[in-house]
């Protein structure tokens, strides 16, 4: 399963050198994950309210390969690497015209309201296939 999310680079995303500030790639992939989850039919607000479950980033590995610049159109490509009971590993790349600019592996966990790990909700796991 591959999800694609397009983003335009705005002036506010760039640094003094006119390239995307490194931390903003994390914002880009976060937005893409939110849209991916929404596209799976999961309402994260309802999931928290009804089941007390939220998703949190446990780990991220990131590699910056080439800069994006003001007014570029980039695309975040999200793919599922692995799914376990309480953990989801995603590969998320930020690309421009087929070139990978930023590559990441993101590990997400499901947590309850006390911050303890819980199993990924069944309806969420079902939608991954």
C-alpha atoms as a PDB file:
ATOM      1  CA  UNK A   1       0.000   0.000   0.000  1.00  0.00           C
ATOM      2  CA  UNK A   2       1.424   3.360  -1.047  1.00  0.00           C
ATOM      3  CA  UNK A   3       0.032   6.760  -0.067  1.00  0.00           C
ATOM      4  CA  UNK A   4       1.058   9.955  -1.859  1.00  0.00           C
ATOM      5  CA  UNK A   5       0.631  13.470  -0.460  1.00  0.00           C
ATOM      6  CA  UNK A   6       1.679  16.611  -2.334  1.00  0.00           C
ATOM      7  CA  UNK A   7       2.995  19.702  -0.560  1.00  0.00           C
ATOM      8  CA  UNK A   8       4.049  23.085  -1.931  1.00  0.00           C
ATOM      9  CA  UNK A   9       7.130  24.564  -0.236  1.00  0.00           C
ATOM     10  CA  UNK A  10       6.275  28.004   1.128  1.00  0.00           C
ATOM     11  CA  UNK A  11       8.635  30.768   2.121  1.00  0.00           C
ATOM     12  CA  UNK A  12       7.937  30.013   5.794  1.00  0.00           C
ATOM     13  CA  UNK A  13       9.297  26.480   5.265  1.00  0.00           C
ATOM     14  CA  UNK A  14      12.735  27.721   4.242  1.00  0.00           C
ATOM     15  CA  UNK A  15      15.802  28.973   6.082  1.00  0.00           C
ATOM     16  CA  UNK A  16      18.182  31.852   5.401  1.00  0.00           C
ATOM     17  CA  UNK A  17      19.784  29.855   2.569  1.00  0.00           C
ATOM     18  CA  UNK A  18      16.399  29.492   0.835  1.00  0.00           C
ATOM     19  CA  UNK A  19      16.169  25.749   1.349  1.00  0.00           C
ATOM     20  CA  UNK A  20      13.677  23.804   3.448  1.00  0.00           C
ATOM     21  CA  UNK A  21      14.686  23.979   7.100  1.00  0.00           C
ATOM     22  CA  UNK A  22      15.596  20.451   8.202  1.00  0.00           C
ATOM     23  CA  UNK A  23      12.913  20.148  10.920  1.00  0.00           C
ATOM     24  CA  UNK A  24      10.168  21.005   8.440  1.00  0.00           C
ATOM     25  CA  UNK A  25      10.622  17.656   6.712  1.00  0.00           C
ATOM     26  CA  UNK A  26       9.290  16.138   9.945  1.00  0.00           C
ATOM     27  CA  UNK A  27       6.220  18.375   9.627  1.00  0.00           C
ATOM     28  CA  UNK A  28       5.749  17.294   6.026  1.00  0.00           C
ATOM     29  CA  UNK A  29       5.818  13.596   6.870  1.00  0.00           C
ATOM     30  CA  UNK A  30       3.515  14.175   9.875  1.00  0.00           C
ATOM     31  CA  UNK A  31       0.927  15.842   7.625  1.00  0.00           C
ATOM     32  CA  UNK A  32       1.208  12.974   5.166  1.00  0.00           C
ATOM     33  CA  UNK A  33       0.713  10.399   7.967  1.00  0.00           C
ATOM     34  CA  UNK A  34      -2.369  12.242   9.211  1.00  0.00           C
ATOM     35  CA  UNK A  35      -3.879  12.232   5.716  1.00  0.00           C
ATOM     36  CA  UNK A  36      -2.915   8.579   5.229  1.00  0.00           C
ATOM     37  CA  UNK A  37      -4.684   7.575   8.463  1.00  0.00           C
ATOM     38  CA  UNK A  38      -7.719   9.663   7.475  1.00  0.00           C
ATOM     39  CA  UNK A  39      -7.700   7.937   4.088  1.00  0.00           C
ATOM     40  CA  UNK A  40      -7.820   4.582   5.882  1.00  0.00           C
ATOM     41  CA  UNK A  41     -11.128   5.692   7.394  1.00  0.00           C
ATOM     42  CA  UNK A  42      -9.743   6.242  10.898  1.00  0.00           C
ATOM     43  CA  UNK A  43     -10.940   9.301  12.793  1.00  0.00           C
ATOM     44  CA  UNK A  44      -8.121   9.935  15.273  1.00  0.00           C
ATOM     45  CA  UNK A  45     -10.239  12.299  17.404  1.00  0.00           C
ATOM     46  CA  UNK A  46     -12.960   9.644  17.728  1.00  0.00           C
ATOM     47  CA  UNK A  47     -10.340   6.950  18.364  1.00  0.00           C
ATOM     48  CA  UNK A  48      -9.044   8.931  21.332  1.00  0.00           C
ATOM     49  CA  UNK A  49     -12.519   9.799  22.624  1.00  0.00           C
ATOM     50  CA  UNK A  50     -14.065   6.331  22.158  1.00  0.00           C
ATOM     51  CA  UNK A  51     -11.144   3.992  22.833  1.00  0.00           C
ATOM     52  CA  UNK A  52      -8.593   6.202  24.590  1.00  0.00           C
ATOM     53  CA  UNK A  53      -5.970   5.338  21.984  1.00  0.00           C
ATOM     54  CA  UNK A  54      -3.514   7.735  20.346  1.00  0.00           C
ATOM     55  CA  UNK A  55      -0.523   7.228  18.076  1.00  0.00           C
ATOM     56  CA  UNK A  56       2.924   8.497  19.003  1.00  0.00           C
ATOM     57  CA  UNK A  57       6.258   8.511  17.234  1.00  0.00           C
ATOM     58  CA  UNK A  58       8.581   6.151  19.098  1.00  0.00           C
ATOM     59  CA  UNK A  59      11.555   6.391  16.791  1.00  0.00           C
ATOM     60  CA  UNK A  60      12.601   8.088  13.582  1.00  0.00           C
ATOM     61  CA  UNK A  61      15.580   7.528  11.340  1.00  0.00           C
ATOM     62  CA  UNK A  62      16.112  10.323   8.844  1.00  0.00           C
ATOM     63  CA  UNK A  63      18.478  10.931   5.982  1.00  0.00           C
ATOM     64  CA  UNK A  64      18.720  14.269   4.212  1.00  0.00           C
ATOM     65  CA  UNK A  65      19.799  13.637   0.636  1.00  0.00           C
ATOM     66  CA  UNK A  66      19.121  16.845  -1.334  1.00  0.00           C
ATOM     67  CA  UNK A  67      17.482  20.200  -0.573  1.00  0.00           C
ATOM     68  CA  UNK A  68      13.976  21.309  -1.460  1.00  0.00           C
ATOM     69  CA  UNK A  69      13.573  25.001  -2.180  1.00  0.00           C
ATOM     70  CA  UNK A  70      10.924  27.700  -2.035  1.00  0.00           C
ATOM     71  CA  UNK A  71       7.969  27.010  -4.384  1.00  0.00           C
ATOM     72  CA  UNK A  72       8.986  23.413  -5.107  1.00  0.00           C
ATOM     73  CA  UNK A  73       6.170  20.911  -5.216  1.00  0.00           C
ATOM     74  CA  UNK A  74       7.217  17.865  -3.248  1.00  0.00           C
ATOM     75  CA  UNK A  75       5.438  14.615  -2.615  1.00  0.00           C
ATOM     76  CA  UNK A  76       5.540  12.519   0.539  1.00  0.00           C
ATOM     77  CA  UNK A  77       5.358   8.823  -0.259  1.00  0.00           C
ATOM     78  CA  UNK A  78       4.302   6.637   2.663  1.00  0.00           C
ATOM     79  CA  UNK A  79       4.579   2.838   2.704  1.00  0.00           C
ATOM     80  CA  UNK A  80       4.031   0.312   5.479  1.00  0.00           C
ATOM     81  CA  UNK A  81       7.219  -1.582   6.381  1.00  0.00           C
ATOM     82  CA  UNK A  82       5.979  -3.676   9.314  1.00  0.00           C
ATOM     83  CA  UNK A  83       3.018  -4.078  11.650  1.00  0.00           C
ATOM     84  CA  UNK A  84       3.094  -5.747  15.062  1.00  0.00           C
ATOM     85  CA  UNK A  85       0.574  -5.797  17.896  1.00  0.00           C
ATOM     86  CA  UNK A  86       1.294  -2.282  19.163  1.00  0.00           C
ATOM     87  CA  UNK A  87       3.761  -0.949  16.612  1.00  0.00           C
ATOM     88  CA  UNK A  88       3.716   0.292  13.042  1.00  0.00           C
ATOM     89  CA  UNK A  89       6.837   0.986  10.993  1.00  0.00           C
ATOM     90  CA  UNK A  90       6.527   3.272   7.973  1.00  0.00           C
ATOM     91  CA  UNK A  91       8.928   4.272   5.231  1.00  0.00           C
ATOM     92  CA  UNK A  92       8.316   7.922   4.322  1.00  0.00           C
ATOM     93  CA  UNK A  93      10.205   9.669   1.527  1.00  0.00           C
ATOM     94  CA  UNK A  94       9.918  13.286   0.443  1.00  0.00           C
ATOM     95  CA  UNK A  95      10.425  13.451  -3.314  1.00  0.00           C
ATOM     96  CA  UNK A  96      10.636  16.057  -6.057  1.00  0.00           C
ATOM     97  CA  UNK A  97      10.151  14.927  -9.655  1.00  0.00           C
ATOM     98  CA  UNK A  98      11.113  11.360  -8.763  1.00  0.00           C
ATOM     99  CA  UNK A  99      14.218  12.324  -6.764  1.00  0.00           C
ATOM    100  CA  UNK A 100      14.315  11.359  -3.089  1.00  0.00           C
ATOM    101  CA  UNK A 101      15.217  14.444  -1.047  1.00  0.00           C
ATOM    102  CA  UNK A 102      14.552  13.099   2.432  1.00  0.00           C
ATOM    103  CA  UNK A 103      14.137   9.491   3.496  1.00  0.00           C
ATOM    104  CA  UNK A 104      12.828   8.295   6.838  1.00  0.00           C
ATOM    105  CA  UNK A 105      11.775   5.231   8.742  1.00  0.00           C
ATOM    106  CA  UNK A 106       9.180   6.089  11.365  1.00  0.00           C
ATOM    107  CA  UNK A 107       8.109   3.781  14.180  1.00  0.00           C
ATOM    108  CA  UNK A 108       4.697   4.557  15.647  1.00  0.00           C
ATOM    109  CA  UNK A 109       3.138   3.038  18.734  1.00  0.00           C
ATOM    110  CA  UNK A 110      -0.400   3.005  20.045  1.00  0.00           C
ATOM    111  CA  UNK A 111      -0.744   4.405  23.562  1.00  0.00           C
ATOM    112  CA  UNK A 112      -3.555   4.614  26.099  1.00  0.00           C
ATOM    113  CA  UNK A 113      -4.424   7.745  28.069  1.00  0.00           C
ATOM    114  CA  UNK A 114      -1.783   6.886  30.685  1.00  0.00           C
ATOM    115  CA  UNK A 115       0.915   6.658  28.012  1.00  0.00           C
ATOM    116  CA  UNK A 116       1.260   2.877  28.174  1.00  0.00           C
ATOM    117  CA  UNK A 117       1.549   0.847  24.956  1.00  0.00           C
ATOM    118  CA  UNK A 118      -1.618  -0.894  23.768  1.00  0.00           C
ATOM    119  CA  UNK A 119      -2.485  -3.036  20.784  1.00  0.00           C
ATOM    120  CA  UNK A 120      -3.180  -1.245  17.542  1.00  0.00           C
ATOM    121  CA  UNK A 121      -6.961  -0.977  17.172  1.00  0.00           C
ATOM    122  CA  UNK A 122      -8.358  -3.920  15.204  1.00  0.00           C
ATOM    123  CA  UNK A 123     -10.210  -1.711  12.706  1.00  0.00           C
ATOM    124  CA  UNK A 124      -6.966   0.150  12.005  1.00  0.00           C
ATOM    125  CA  UNK A 125      -4.992  -3.088  11.454  1.00  0.00           C
ATOM    126  CA  UNK A 126      -7.718  -4.419   9.149  1.00  0.00           C
ATOM    127  CA  UNK A 127      -7.520  -1.290   6.979  1.00  0.00           C
ATOM    128  CA  UNK A 128      -3.781  -1.774   6.430  1.00  0.00           C
ATOM    129  CA  UNK A 129      -4.384  -4.749   4.142  1.00  0.00           C
END
